[in-house]
Amino acid sequence: MSFEEFSTTTFFQRELQETKKLVGEKSETKRNRTESQPTGRVCRFCHKDLKQGPNSPHVHTGFPGVAGKYIYCPSKVLSIYQSQGMVKEMSWKEFSESPFYEAEKQRWVAEKKLNNIWFY
C-alpha cells in the first residue's frame, strides 16, 4: 500500500486528528503558565531574584579589606553554619554583628582564592 492510499484510510485520518488535538493542548498549556518565570539573575542557592532593595533578602556588599563583591544569601549562610549553632536566617545587620561574620569572611576569601587558581 502506498502512502497516498494509506493517508486516505480512516485509521490515518483519526490518528492525524488526535495528534493535532494533542499538539494544540500542549501549546495552550505552554502559553498559559501560571507561575512567573524569574527575570534576570537568580541566586544559585535559593533561586530567588538577585535584586537589590529593601524587600530583597540578598545584600550586595563587600568585606572590609577584601576586594570583590559579596552577595549575602541568608539561606546559604544558614545551611553552612547551622551545624555550628546558627538557629535562624539573619538579616545582614544581625549577621554582621554575629560571631559567624568573621568565619564567613574567611570562608569566602578562601573560596575566592581557590576559584582564581590557574591550571596549566
PDB file of N, CA and C in Angstrom:
ATOM      1  N   MET A   1       0.856  -1.174   0.000  1.00  0.00           N
ATOM      2  CA  MET A   1       0.000   0.000   0.000  1.00  0.00           C
ATOM      3  C   MET A   1       0.898   1.233   0.000  1.00  0.00           C
ATOM      4  N   SER A   2       0.644   2.154  -0.890  1.00  0.00           N
ATOM      5  CA  SER A   2       1.442   3.381  -0.970  1.00  0.00           C
ATOM      6  C   SER A   2       0.972   4.355   0.123  1.00  0.00           C
ATOM      7  N   PHE A   3       1.800   5.359   0.377  1.00  0.00           N
ATOM      8  CA  PHE A   3       1.450   6.337   1.400  1.00  0.00           C
ATOM      9  C   PHE A   3       0.196   7.113   1.005  1.00  0.00           C
ATOM     10  N   GLU A   4       0.028   7.413  -0.255  1.00  0.00           N
ATOM     11  CA  GLU A   4      -1.166   8.133  -0.712  1.00  0.00           C
ATOM     12  C   GLU A   4      -2.429   7.349  -0.383  1.00  0.00           C
ATOM     13  N   GLU A   5      -2.384   6.047  -0.582  1.00  0.00           N
ATOM     14  CA  GLU A   5      -3.537   5.204  -0.243  1.00  0.00           C
ATOM     15  C   GLU A   5      -3.741   5.137   1.267  1.00  0.00           C
ATOM     16  N   PHE A   6      -2.613   4.981   1.982  1.00  0.00           N
ATOM     17  CA  PHE A   6      -2.689   4.889   3.448  1.00  0.00           C
ATOM     18  C   PHE A   6      -3.226   6.175   4.055  1.00  0.00           C
ATOM     19  N   SER A   7      -2.845   7.321   3.500  1.00  0.00           N
ATOM     20  CA  SER A   7      -3.280   8.601   4.062  1.00  0.00           C
ATOM     21  C   SER A   7      -4.773   8.841   3.901  1.00  0.00           C
ATOM     22  N   THR A   8      -5.441   8.100   3.052  1.00  0.00           N
ATOM     23  CA  THR A   8      -6.881   8.266   2.880  1.00  0.00           C
ATOM     24  C   THR A   8      -7.693   7.320   3.768  1.00  0.00           C
ATOM     25  N   THR A   9      -7.038   6.432   4.495  1.00  0.00           N
ATOM     26  CA  THR A   9      -7.769   5.486   5.354  1.00  0.00           C
ATOM     27  C   THR A   9      -8.322   6.198   6.576  1.00  0.00           C
ATOM     28  N   THR A  10      -9.351   5.636   7.166  1.00  0.00           N
ATOM     29  CA  THR A  10      -9.956   6.227   8.374  1.00  0.00           C
ATOM     30  C   THR A  10      -8.995   6.162   9.557  1.00  0.00           C
ATOM     31  N   PHE A  11      -8.197   5.106   9.622  1.00  0.00           N
ATOM     32  CA  PHE A  11      -7.221   4.996  10.711  1.00  0.00           C
ATOM     33  C   PHE A  11      -6.253   6.167  10.688  1.00  0.00           C
ATOM     34  N   PHE A  12      -5.676   6.452   9.522  1.00  0.00           N
ATOM     35  CA  PHE A  12      -4.717   7.536   9.391  1.00  0.00           C
ATOM     36  C   PHE A  12      -5.358   8.871   9.737  1.00  0.00           C
ATOM     37  N   GLN A  13      -6.544   9.128   9.238  1.00  0.00           N
ATOM     38  CA  GLN A  13      -7.235  10.395   9.495  1.00  0.00           C
ATOM     39  C   GLN A  13      -7.543  10.564  10.982  1.00  0.00           C
ATOM     40  N   ARG A  14      -7.965   9.477  11.639  1.00  0.00           N
ATOM     41  CA  ARG A  14      -8.263   9.519  13.075  1.00  0.00           C
ATOM     42  C   ARG A  14      -6.983   9.828  13.872  1.00  0.00           C
ATOM     43  N   GLU A  15      -5.886   9.146  13.555  1.00  0.00           N
ATOM     44  CA  GLU A  15      -4.611   9.383  14.248  1.00  0.00           C
ATOM     45  C   GLU A  15      -4.096  10.798  13.995  1.00  0.00           C
ATOM     46  N   LEU A  16      -4.250  11.298  12.795  1.00  0.00           N
ATOM     47  CA  LEU A  16      -3.824  12.647  12.453  1.00  0.00           C
ATOM     48  C   LEU A  16      -4.601  13.679  13.271  1.00  0.00           C
ATOM     49  N   GLN A  17      -5.908  13.504  13.401  1.00  0.00           N
ATOM     50  CA  GLN A  17      -6.727  14.432  14.182  1.00  0.00           C
ATOM     51  C   GLN A  17      -6.357  14.389  15.667  1.00  0.00           C
ATOM     52  N   GLU A  18      -6.100  13.189  16.211  1.00  0.00           N
ATOM     53  CA  GLU A  18      -5.687  13.053  17.613  1.00  0.00           C
ATOM     54  C   GLU A  18      -4.356  13.751  17.873  1.00  0.00           C
ATOM     55  N   THR A  19      -3.430  13.586  16.948  1.00  0.00           N
ATOM     56  CA  THR A  19      -2.128  14.230  17.089  1.00  0.00           C
ATOM     57  C   THR A  19      -2.258  15.744  17.052  1.00  0.00           C
ATOM     58  N   LYS A  20      -3.069  16.255  16.125  1.00  0.00           N
ATOM     59  CA  LYS A  20      -3.284  17.706  16.059  1.00  0.00           C
ATOM     60  C   LYS A  20      -3.921  18.224  17.338  1.00  0.00           C
ATOM     61  N   LYS A  21      -4.843  17.451  17.899  1.00  0.00           N
ATOM     62  CA  LYS A  21      -5.513  17.837  19.139  1.00  0.00           C
ATOM     63  C   LYS A  21      -4.516  17.892  20.297  1.00  0.00           C
ATOM     64  N   LEU A  22      -3.640  16.883  20.419  1.00  0.00           N
ATOM     65  CA  LEU A  22      -2.641  16.847  21.484  1.00  0.00           C
ATOM     66  C   LEU A  22      -1.646  17.993  21.366  1.00  0.00           C
ATOM     67  N   VAL A  23      -1.209  18.272  20.155  1.00  0.00           N
ATOM     68  CA  VAL A  23      -0.261  19.368  19.941  1.00  0.00           C
ATOM     69  C   VAL A  23      -0.915  20.695  20.316  1.00  0.00           C
ATOM     70  N   GLY A  24      -2.169  20.874  19.967  1.00  0.00           N
ATOM     71  CA  GLY A  24      -2.890  22.097  20.324  1.00  0.00           C
ATOM     72  C   GLY A  24      -3.017  22.263  21.835  1.00  0.00           C
ATOM     73  N   GLU A  25      -3.302  21.179  22.543  1.00  0.00           N
ATOM     74  CA  GLU A  25      -3.419  21.246  24.005  1.00  0.00           C
ATOM     75  C   GLU A  25      -2.078  21.588  24.647  1.00  0.00           C
ATOM     76  N   LYS A  26      -0.997  20.992  24.145  1.00  0.00           N
ATOM     77  CA  LYS A  26       0.338  21.267  24.703  1.00  0.00           C
ATOM     78  C   LYS A  26       0.732  22.714  24.484  1.00  0.00           C
ATOM     79  N   SER A  27       0.452  23.254  23.304  1.00  0.00           N
ATOM     80  CA  SER A  27       0.842  24.637  23.032  1.00  0.00           C
ATOM     81  C   SER A  27       0.024  25.608  23.879  1.00  0.00           C
ATOM     82  N   GLU A  28      -1.217  25.287  24.175  1.00  0.00           N
ATOM     83  CA  GLU A  28      -2.036  26.152  25.032  1.00  0.00           C
ATOM     84  C   GLU A  28      -1.505  26.156  26.456  1.00  0.00           C
ATOM     85  N   THR A  29      -1.095  24.999  26.977  1.00  0.00           N
ATOM     86  CA  THR A  29      -0.581  24.957  28.351  1.00  0.00           C
ATOM     87  C   THR A  29       0.759  25.666  28.455  1.00  0.00           C
ATOM     88  N   LYS A  30       1.556  25.655  27.400  1.00  0.00           N
ATOM     89  CA  LYS A  30       2.827  26.368  27.433  1.00  0.00           C
ATOM     90  C   LYS A  30       2.599  27.870  27.462  1.00  0.00           C
ATOM     91  N   ARG A  31       1.614  28.348  26.749  1.00  0.00           N
ATOM     92  CA  ARG A  31       1.338  29.785  26.704  1.00  0.00           C
ATOM     93  C   ARG A  31       0.720  30.294  27.991  1.00  0.00           C
ATOM     94  N   ASN A  32      -0.041  29.472  28.682  1.00  0.00           N
ATOM     95  CA  ASN A  32      -0.782  29.914  29.856  1.00  0.00           C
ATOM     96  C   ASN A  32      -0.128  29.449  31.154  1.00  0.00           C
ATOM     97  N   ARG A  33       1.161  29.702  31.306  1.00  0.00           N
ATOM     98  CA  ARG A  33       1.845  29.322  32.540  1.00  0.00           C
ATOM     99  C   ARG A  33       1.339  30.191  33.680  1.00  0.00           C
ATOM    100  N   THR A  34       1.059  29.556  34.801  1.00  0.00           N
ATOM    101  CA  THR A  34       0.556  30.306  35.948  1.00  0.00           C
ATOM    102  C   THR A  34       1.694  30.864  36.786  1.00  0.00           C
ATOM    103  N   GLU A  35       2.808  30.146  36.884  1.00  0.00           N
ATOM    104  CA  GLU A  35       3.914  30.631  37.691  1.00  0.00           C
ATOM    105  C   GLU A  35       4.765  31.586  36.867  1.00  0.00           C
ATOM    106  N   SER A  36       5.234  32.635  37.500  1.00  0.00           N
ATOM    107  CA  SER A  36       6.043  33.596  36.767  1.00  0.00           C
ATOM    108  C   SER A  36       7.481  33.102  36.690  1.00  0.00           C
ATOM    109  N   GLN A  37       8.075  33.319  35.571  1.00  0.00           N
ATOM    110  CA  GLN A  37       9.462  32.923  35.372  1.00  0.00           C
ATOM    111  C   GLN A  37      10.356  34.030  35.917  1.00  0.00           C
ATOM    112  N   PRO A  38      11.495  33.661  36.509  1.00  0.00           N
ATOM    113  CA  PRO A  38      12.385  34.696  37.032  1.00  0.00           C
ATOM    114  C   PRO A  38      12.931  35.563  35.901  1.00  0.00           C
ATOM    115  N   THR A  39      13.005  36.842  36.165  1.00  0.00           N
ATOM    116  CA  THR A  39      13.546  37.758  35.176  1.00  0.00           C
ATOM    117  C   THR A  39      14.887  38.250  35.684  1.00  0.00           C
ATOM    118  N   GLY A  40      15.910  38.048  34.930  1.00  0.00           N
ATOM    119  CA  GLY A  40      17.233  38.488  35.354  1.00  0.00           C
ATOM    120  C   GLY A  40      17.976  37.405  36.101  1.00  0.00           C
ATOM    121  N   ARG A  41      18.877  37.821  36.961  1.00  0.00           N
ATOM    122  CA  ARG A  41      19.736  36.895  37.685  1.00  0.00           C
ATOM    123  C   ARG A  41      19.030  36.330  38.901  1.00  0.00           C
ATOM    124  N   VAL A  42      19.313  35.061  39.196  1.00  0.00           N
ATOM    125  CA  VAL A  42      18.766  34.424  40.392  1.00  0.00           C
ATOM    126  C   VAL A  42      19.905  33.839  41.214  1.00  0.00           C
ATOM    127  N   CYS A  43      19.673  33.708  42.492  1.00  0.00           N
ATOM    128  CA  CYS A  43      20.644  33.128  43.414  1.00  0.00           C
ATOM    129  C   CYS A  43      20.824  31.653  43.073  1.00  0.00           C
ATOM    130  N   ARG A  44      22.052  31.195  43.030  1.00  0.00           N
ATOM    131  CA  ARG A  44      22.309  29.789  42.721  1.00  0.00           C
ATOM    132  C   ARG A  44      21.853  28.867  43.842  1.00  0.00           C
ATOM    133  N   PHE A  45      21.733  29.406  45.043  1.00  0.00           N
ATOM    134  CA  PHE A  45      21.381  28.561  46.176  1.00  0.00           C
ATOM    135  C   PHE A  45      19.871  28.500  46.412  1.00  0.00           C
ATOM    136  N   CYS A  46      19.229  29.666  46.585  1.00  0.00           N
ATOM    137  CA  CYS A  46      17.802  29.672  46.933  1.00  0.00           C
ATOM    138  C   CYS A  46      16.895  29.965  45.736  1.00  0.00           C
ATOM    139  N   HIS A  47      17.462  30.306  44.583  1.00  0.00           N
ATOM    140  CA  HIS A  47      16.742  30.541  43.330  1.00  0.00           C
ATOM    141  C   HIS A  47      15.774  31.722  43.389  1.00  0.00           C
ATOM    142  N   LYS A  48      16.032  32.678  44.275  1.00  0.00           N
ATOM    143  CA  LYS A  48      15.244  33.908  44.305  1.00  0.00           C
ATOM    144  C   LYS A  48      15.975  34.968  43.489  1.00  0.00           C
ATOM    145  N   ASP A  49      15.225  35.985  43.031  1.00  0.00           N
ATOM    146  CA  ASP A  49      15.833  37.057  42.251  1.00  0.00           C
ATOM    147  C   ASP A  49      16.929  37.753  43.046  1.00  0.00           C
ATOM    148  N   LEU A  50      18.002  38.131  42.361  1.00  0.00           N
ATOM    149  CA  LEU A  50      19.114  38.827  42.998  1.00  0.00           C
ATOM    150  C   LEU A  50      18.980  40.335  42.829  1.00  0.00           C
ATOM    151  N   LYS A  51      17.807  40.850  43.104  1.00  0.00           N
ATOM    152  CA  LYS A  51      17.585  42.280  43.002  1.00  0.00           C
ATOM    153  C   LYS A  51      17.901  42.933  44.339  1.00  0.00           C
ATOM    154  N   GLN A  52      18.520  44.092  44.256  1.00  0.00           N
ATOM    155  CA  GLN A  52      18.782  44.835  45.472  1.00  0.00           C
ATOM    156  C   GLN A  52      17.553  45.641  45.838  1.00  0.00           C
ATOM    157  N   GLY A  53      17.352  45.840  47.102  1.00  0.00           N
ATOM    158  CA  GLY A  53      16.231  46.649  47.547  1.00  0.00           C
ATOM    159  C   GLY A  53      15.833  46.290  48.962  1.00  0.00           C
ATOM    160  N   PRO A  54      14.913  47.038  49.527  1.00  0.00           N
ATOM    161  CA  PRO A  54      14.534  46.807  50.915  1.00  0.00           C
ATOM    162  C   PRO A  54      13.788  45.492  51.141  1.00  0.00           C
ATOM    163  N   ASN A  55      13.156  44.943  50.111  1.00  0.00           N
ATOM    164  CA  ASN A  55      12.398  43.705  50.282  1.00  0.00           C
ATOM    165  C   ASN A  55      13.195  42.462  49.878  1.00  0.00           C
ATOM    166  N   SER A  56      14.411  42.644  49.420  1.00  0.00           N
ATOM    167  CA  SER A  56      15.231  41.519  48.981  1.00  0.00           C
ATOM    168  C   SER A  56      16.003  40.936  50.160  1.00  0.00           C
ATOM    169  N   PRO A  57      16.030  39.605  50.299  1.00  0.00           N
ATOM    170  CA  PRO A  57      16.826  39.015  51.376  1.00  0.00           C
ATOM    171  C   PRO A  57      18.324  39.076  51.073  1.00  0.00           C
ATOM    172  N   HIS A  58      18.687  39.253  49.802  1.00  0.00           N
ATOM    173  CA  HIS A  58      20.097  39.280  49.421  1.00  0.00           C
ATOM    174  C   HIS A  58      20.664  40.678  49.578  1.00  0.00           C
ATOM    175  N   VAL A  59      21.894  40.734  50.062  1.00  0.00           N
ATOM    176  CA  VAL A  59      22.578  42.008  50.221  1.00  0.00           C
ATOM    177  C   VAL A  59      23.858  41.950  49.409  1.00  0.00           C
ATOM    178  N   HIS A  60      24.042  42.917  48.520  1.00  0.00           N
ATOM    179  CA  HIS A  60      25.243  43.014  47.707  1.00  0.00           C
ATOM    180  C   HIS A  60      26.200  43.934  48.455  1.00  0.00           C
ATOM    181  N   THR A  61      27.292  43.407  48.913  1.00  0.00           N
ATOM    182  CA  THR A  61      28.210  44.178  49.741  1.00  0.00           C
ATOM    183  C   THR A  61      29.619  43.647  49.562  1.00  0.00           C
ATOM    184  N   GLY A  62      30.483  44.037  50.410  1.00  0.00           N
ATOM    185  CA  GLY A  62      31.852  43.543  50.402  1.00  0.00           C
ATOM    186  C   GLY A  62      32.362  43.485  51.822  1.00  0.00           C
ATOM    187  N   PHE A  63      33.413  42.730  52.024  1.00  0.00           N
ATOM    188  CA  PHE A  63      34.036  42.682  53.337  1.00  0.00           C
ATOM    189  C   PHE A  63      35.158  43.715  53.370  1.00  0.00           C
ATOM    190  N   PRO A  64      35.288  44.445  54.469  1.00  0.00           N
ATOM    191  CA  PRO A  64      36.367  45.437  54.562  1.00  0.00           C
ATOM    192  C   PRO A  64      37.732  44.775  54.392  1.00  0.00           C
ATOM    193  N   GLY A  65      38.552  45.368  53.526  1.00  0.00           N
ATOM    194  CA  GLY A  65      39.894  44.851  53.311  1.00  0.00           C
ATOM    195  C   GLY A  65      39.980  43.715  52.310  1.00  0.00           C
ATOM    196  N   VAL A  66      38.843  43.307  51.731  1.00  0.00           N
ATOM    197  CA  VAL A  66      38.835  42.211  50.761  1.00  0.00           C
ATOM    198  C   VAL A  66      38.239  42.734  49.462  1.00  0.00           C
ATOM    199  N   ALA A  67      38.983  42.547  48.378  1.00  0.00           N
ATOM    200  CA  ALA A  67      38.499  43.014  47.074  1.00  0.00           C
ATOM    201  C   ALA A  67      37.398  42.091  46.574  1.00  0.00           C
ATOM    202  N   GLY A  68      36.435  42.658  45.898  1.00  0.00           N
ATOM    203  CA  GLY A  68      35.366  41.867  45.308  1.00  0.00           C
ATOM    204  C   GLY A  68      34.037  42.112  45.966  1.00  0.00           C
ATOM    205  N   LYS A  69      32.979  41.734  45.248  1.00  0.00           N
ATOM    206  CA  LYS A  69      31.625  41.925  45.751  1.00  0.00           C
ATOM    207  C   LYS A  69      31.093  40.616  46.313  1.00  0.00           C
ATOM    208  N   TYR A  70      30.552  40.685  47.495  1.00  0.00           N
ATOM    209  CA  TYR A  70      29.983  39.523  48.183  1.00  0.00           C
ATOM    210  C   TYR A  70      28.473  39.669  48.167  1.00  0.00           C
ATOM    211  N   ILE A  71      27.771  38.604  47.804  1.00  0.00           N
ATOM    212  CA  ILE A  71      26.306  38.617  47.839  1.00  0.00           C
ATOM    213  C   ILE A  71      25.876  37.719  48.995  1.00  0.00           C
ATOM    214  N   TYR A  72      25.288  38.352  50.000  1.00  0.00           N
ATOM    215  CA  TYR A  72      24.851  37.634  51.199  1.00  0.00           C
ATOM    216  C   TYR A  72      23.495  36.983  50.936  1.00  0.00           C
ATOM    217  N   CYS A  73      23.438  35.657  51.065  1.00  0.00           N
ATOM    218  CA  CYS A  73      22.193  34.900  50.938  1.00  0.00           C
ATOM    219  C   CYS A  73      21.907  34.266  52.296  1.00  0.00           C
ATOM    220  N   PRO A  74      20.858  34.703  52.997  1.00  0.00           N
ATOM    221  CA  PRO A  74      20.577  34.166  54.328  1.00  0.00           C
ATOM    222  C   PRO A  74      20.389  32.658  54.350  1.00  0.00           C
ATOM    223  N   SER A  75      19.765  32.100  53.338  1.00  0.00           N
ATOM    224  CA  SER A  75      19.539  30.649  53.292  1.00  0.00           C
ATOM    225  C   SER A  75      20.846  29.886  53.187  1.00  0.00           C
ATOM    226  N   LYS A  76      21.738  30.368  52.340  1.00  0.00           N
ATOM    227  CA  LYS A  76      23.024  29.690  52.150  1.00  0.00           C
ATOM    228  C   LYS A  76      23.858  29.756  53.424  1.00  0.00           C
ATOM    229  N   VAL A  77      23.918  30.926  54.033  1.00  0.00           N
ATOM    230  CA  VAL A  77      24.713  31.088  55.247  1.00  0.00           C
ATOM    231  C   VAL A  77      24.155  30.217  56.371  1.00  0.00           C
ATOM    232  N   LEU A  78      22.835  30.140  56.480  1.00  0.00           N
ATOM    233  CA  LEU A  78      22.230  29.275  57.498  1.00  0.00           C
ATOM    234  C   LEU A  78      22.615  27.823  57.258  1.00  0.00           C
ATOM    235  N   SER A  79      22.560  27.377  56.010  1.00  0.00           N
ATOM    236  CA  SER A  79      22.890  25.973  55.735  1.00  0.00           C
ATOM    237  C   SER A  79      24.356  25.671  56.040  1.00  0.00           C
ATOM    238  N   ILE A  80      25.227  26.650  55.837  1.00  0.00           N
ATOM    239  CA  ILE A  80      26.651  26.435  56.110  1.00  0.00           C
ATOM    240  C   ILE A  80      26.921  26.388  57.611  1.00  0.00           C
ATOM    241  N   TYR A  81      26.308  27.290  58.377  1.00  0.00           N
ATOM    242  CA  TYR A  81      26.664  27.453  59.795  1.00  0.00           C
ATOM    243  C   TYR A  81      25.634  26.871  60.770  1.00  0.00           C
ATOM    244  N   GLN A  82      24.641  26.165  60.268  1.00  0.00           N
ATOM    245  CA  GLN A  82      23.636  25.564  61.149  1.00  0.00           C
ATOM    246  C   GLN A  82      24.275  24.529  62.073  1.00  0.00           C
ATOM    247  N   SER A  83      25.219  23.772  61.559  1.00  0.00           N
ATOM    248  CA  SER A  83      25.884  22.752  62.382  1.00  0.00           C
ATOM    249  C   SER A  83      26.773  23.381  63.454  1.00  0.00           C
ATOM    250  N   GLN A  84      27.106  24.662  63.281  1.00  0.00           N
ATOM    251  CA  GLN A  84      27.948  25.357  64.255  1.00  0.00           C
ATOM    252  C   GLN A  84      27.135  26.208  65.227  1.00  0.00           C
ATOM    253  N   GLY A  85      25.806  26.106  65.160  1.00  0.00           N
ATOM    254  CA  GLY A  85      24.977  26.775  66.148  1.00  0.00           C
ATOM    255  C   GLY A  85      24.070  27.872  65.639  1.00  0.00           C
ATOM    256  N   MET A  86      24.099  28.193  64.372  1.00  0.00           N
ATOM    257  CA  MET A  86      23.176  29.204  63.842  1.00  0.00           C
ATOM    258  C   MET A  86      21.779  28.599  63.821  1.00  0.00           C
ATOM    259  N   VAL A  87      20.791  29.323  64.366  1.00  0.00           N
ATOM    260  CA  VAL A  87      19.460  28.745  64.525  1.00  0.00           C
ATOM    261  C   VAL A  87      18.423  29.306  63.559  1.00  0.00           C
ATOM    262  N   LYS A  88      18.689  30.467  62.940  1.00  0.00           N
ATOM    263  CA  LYS A  88      17.699  31.056  62.035  1.00  0.00           C
ATOM    264  C   LYS A  88      18.392  31.903  60.991  1.00  0.00           C
ATOM    265  N   GLU A  89      17.666  32.183  59.919  1.00  0.00           N
ATOM    266  CA  GLU A  89      18.186  33.096  58.912  1.00  0.00           C
ATOM    267  C   GLU A  89      18.245  34.491  59.514  1.00  0.00           C
ATOM    268  N   MET A  90      19.349  35.176  59.287  1.00  0.00           N
ATOM    269  CA  MET A  90      19.542  36.509  59.863  1.00  0.00           C
ATOM    270  C   MET A  90      19.562  37.569  58.771  1.00  0.00           C
ATOM    271  N   SER A  91      19.137  38.751  59.129  1.00  0.00           N
ATOM    272  CA  SER A  91      19.299  39.879  58.214  1.00  0.00           C
ATOM    273  C   SER A  91      20.791  40.204  58.162  1.00  0.00           C
ATOM    274  N   TRP A  92      21.188  41.026  57.191  1.00  0.00           N
ATOM    275  CA  TRP A  92      22.601  41.360  57.065  1.00  0.00           C
ATOM    276  C   TRP A  92      23.103  42.057  58.327  1.00  0.00           C
ATOM    277  N   LYS A  93      22.281  42.929  58.906  1.00  0.00           N
ATOM    278  CA  LYS A  93      22.701  43.657  60.110  1.00  0.00           C
ATOM    279  C   LYS A  93      22.924  42.687  61.265  1.00  0.00           C
ATOM    280  N   GLU A  94      21.984  41.757  61.467  1.00  0.00           N
ATOM    281  CA  GLU A  94      22.150  40.757  62.526  1.00  0.00           C
ATOM    282  C   GLU A  94      23.385  39.897  62.271  1.00  0.00           C
ATOM    283  N   PHE A  95      23.567  39.499  61.022  1.00  0.00           N
ATOM    284  CA  PHE A  95      24.679  38.631  60.676  1.00  0.00           C
ATOM    285  C   PHE A  95      26.018  39.328  60.882  1.00  0.00           C
ATOM    286  N   SER A  96      26.101  40.603  60.496  1.00  0.00           N
ATOM    287  CA  SER A  96      27.381  41.312  60.621  1.00  0.00           C
ATOM    288  C   SER A  96      27.790  41.518  62.077  1.00  0.00           C
ATOM    289  N   GLU A  97      26.836  41.413  62.987  1.00  0.00           N
ATOM    290  CA  GLU A  97      27.144  41.541  64.423  1.00  0.00           C
ATOM    291  C   GLU A  97      27.315  40.189  65.107  1.00  0.00           C
ATOM    292  N   SER A  98      27.109  39.105  64.366  1.00  0.00           N
ATOM    293  CA  SER A  98      27.183  37.764  64.955  1.00  0.00           C
ATOM    294  C   SER A  98      28.610  37.215  64.875  1.00  0.00           C
ATOM    295  N   PRO A  99      28.882  36.156  65.635  1.00  0.00           N
ATOM    296  CA  PRO A  99      30.215  35.543  65.573  1.00  0.00           C
ATOM    297  C   PRO A  99      30.475  34.802  64.257  1.00  0.00           C
ATOM    298  N   PHE A 100      29.440  34.573  63.459  1.00  0.00           N
ATOM    299  CA  PHE A 100      29.601  33.858  62.191  1.00  0.00           C
ATOM    300  C   PHE A 100      30.141  34.754  61.082  1.00  0.00           C
ATOM    301  N   TYR A 101      30.113  36.064  61.289  1.00  0.00           N
ATOM    302  CA  TYR A 101      30.548  37.021  60.272  1.00  0.00           C
ATOM    303  C   TYR A 101      32.004  36.786  59.874  1.00  0.00           C
ATOM    304  N   GLU A 102      32.881  36.714  60.867  1.00  0.00           N
ATOM    305  CA  GLU A 102      34.308  36.531  60.584  1.00  0.00           C
ATOM    306  C   GLU A 102      34.579  35.175  59.935  1.00  0.00           C
ATOM    307  N   ALA A 103      33.854  34.145  60.364  1.00  0.00           N
ATOM    308  CA  ALA A 103      34.025  32.814  59.768  1.00  0.00           C
ATOM    309  C   ALA A 103      33.590  32.830  58.305  1.00  0.00           C
ATOM    310  N   GLU A 104      32.508  33.521  57.988  1.00  0.00           N
ATOM    311  CA  GLU A 104      32.036  33.604  56.607  1.00  0.00           C
ATOM    312  C   GLU A 104      33.012  34.413  55.761  1.00  0.00           C
ATOM    313  N   LYS A 105      33.563  35.452  56.338  1.00  0.00           N
ATOM    314  CA  LYS A 105      34.553  36.250  55.617  1.00  0.00           C
ATOM    315  C   LYS A 105      35.750  35.377  55.244  1.00  0.00           C
ATOM    316  N   GLN A 106      36.256  34.605  56.184  1.00  0.00           N
ATOM    317  CA  GLN A 106      37.400  33.724  55.919  1.00  0.00           C
ATOM    318  C   GLN A 106      37.047  32.648  54.885  1.00  0.00           C
ATOM    319  N   ARG A 107      35.836  32.083  54.981  1.00  0.00           N
ATOM    320  CA  ARG A 107      35.403  31.061  54.026  1.00  0.00           C
ATOM    321  C   ARG A 107      35.318  31.640  52.625  1.00  0.00           C
ATOM    322  N   TRP A 108      34.771  32.841  52.514  1.00  0.00           N
ATOM    323  CA  TRP A 108      34.603  33.466  51.213  1.00  0.00           C
ATOM    324  C   TRP A 108      35.959  33.817  50.585  1.00  0.00           C
ATOM    325  N   VAL A 109      36.888  34.326  51.402  1.00  0.00           N
ATOM    326  CA  VAL A 109      38.230  34.647  50.902  1.00  0.00           C
ATOM    327  C   VAL A 109      38.914  33.373  50.413  1.00  0.00           C
ATOM    328  N   ALA A 110      38.801  32.288  51.167  1.00  0.00           N
ATOM    329  CA  ALA A 110      39.412  31.023  50.760  1.00  0.00           C
ATOM    330  C   ALA A 110      38.770  30.502  49.469  1.00  0.00           C
ATOM    331  N   GLU A 111      37.456  30.639  49.342  1.00  0.00           N
ATOM    332  CA  GLU A 111      36.753  30.194  48.131  1.00  0.00           C
ATOM    333  C   GLU A 111      37.189  31.024  46.923  1.00  0.00           C
ATOM    334  N   LYS A 112      37.342  32.330  47.116  1.00  0.00           N
ATOM    335  CA  LYS A 112      37.792  33.199  46.032  1.00  0.00           C
ATOM    336  C   LYS A 112      39.182  32.813  45.568  1.00  0.00           C
ATOM    337  N   LYS A 113      40.076  32.521  46.521  1.00  0.00           N
ATOM    338  CA  LYS A 113      41.439  32.143  46.164  1.00  0.00           C
ATOM    339  C   LYS A 113      41.452  30.831  45.397  1.00  0.00           C
ATOM    340  N   LEU A 114      40.597  29.894  45.789  1.00  0.00           N
ATOM    341  CA  LEU A 114      40.507  28.621  45.092  1.00  0.00           C
ATOM    342  C   LEU A 114      40.020  28.803  43.660  1.00  0.00           C
ATOM    343  N   ASN A 115      39.049  29.679  43.472  1.00  0.00           N
ATOM    344  CA  ASN A 115      38.486  29.909  42.141  1.00  0.00           C
ATOM    345  C   ASN A 115      39.429  30.689  41.231  1.00  0.00           C
ATOM    346  N   ASN A 116      40.400  31.381  41.803  1.00  0.00           N
ATOM    347  CA  ASN A 116      41.308  32.193  40.990  1.00  0.00           C
ATOM    348  C   ASN A 116      42.606  31.467  40.642  1.00  0.00           C
ATOM    349  N   ILE A 117      42.753  30.226  41.027  1.00  0.00           N
ATOM    350  CA  ILE A 117      43.962  29.464  40.687  1.00  0.00           C
ATOM    351  C   ILE A 117      43.880  29.053  39.221  1.00  0.00           C
ATOM    352  N   TRP A 118      44.950  29.278  38.510  1.00  0.00           N
ATOM    353  CA  TRP A 118      45.019  28.913  37.093  1.00  0.00           C
ATOM    354  C   TRP A 118      45.797  27.611  36.965  1.00  0.00           C
ATOM    355  N   PHE A 119      45.273  26.679  36.195  1.00  0.00           N
ATOM    356  CA  PHE A 119      45.947  25.409  35.950  1.00  0.00           C
ATOM    357  C   PHE A 119      46.486  25.409  34.529  1.00  0.00           C
ATOM    358  N   TYR A 120      47.707  25.003  34.363  1.00  0.00           N
ATOM    359  CA  TYR A 120      48.321  24.943  33.032  1.00  0.00           C
ATOM    360  C   TYR A 120      48.576  23.516  32.634  1.00  0.00           C
TER     361      TYR A 120
END
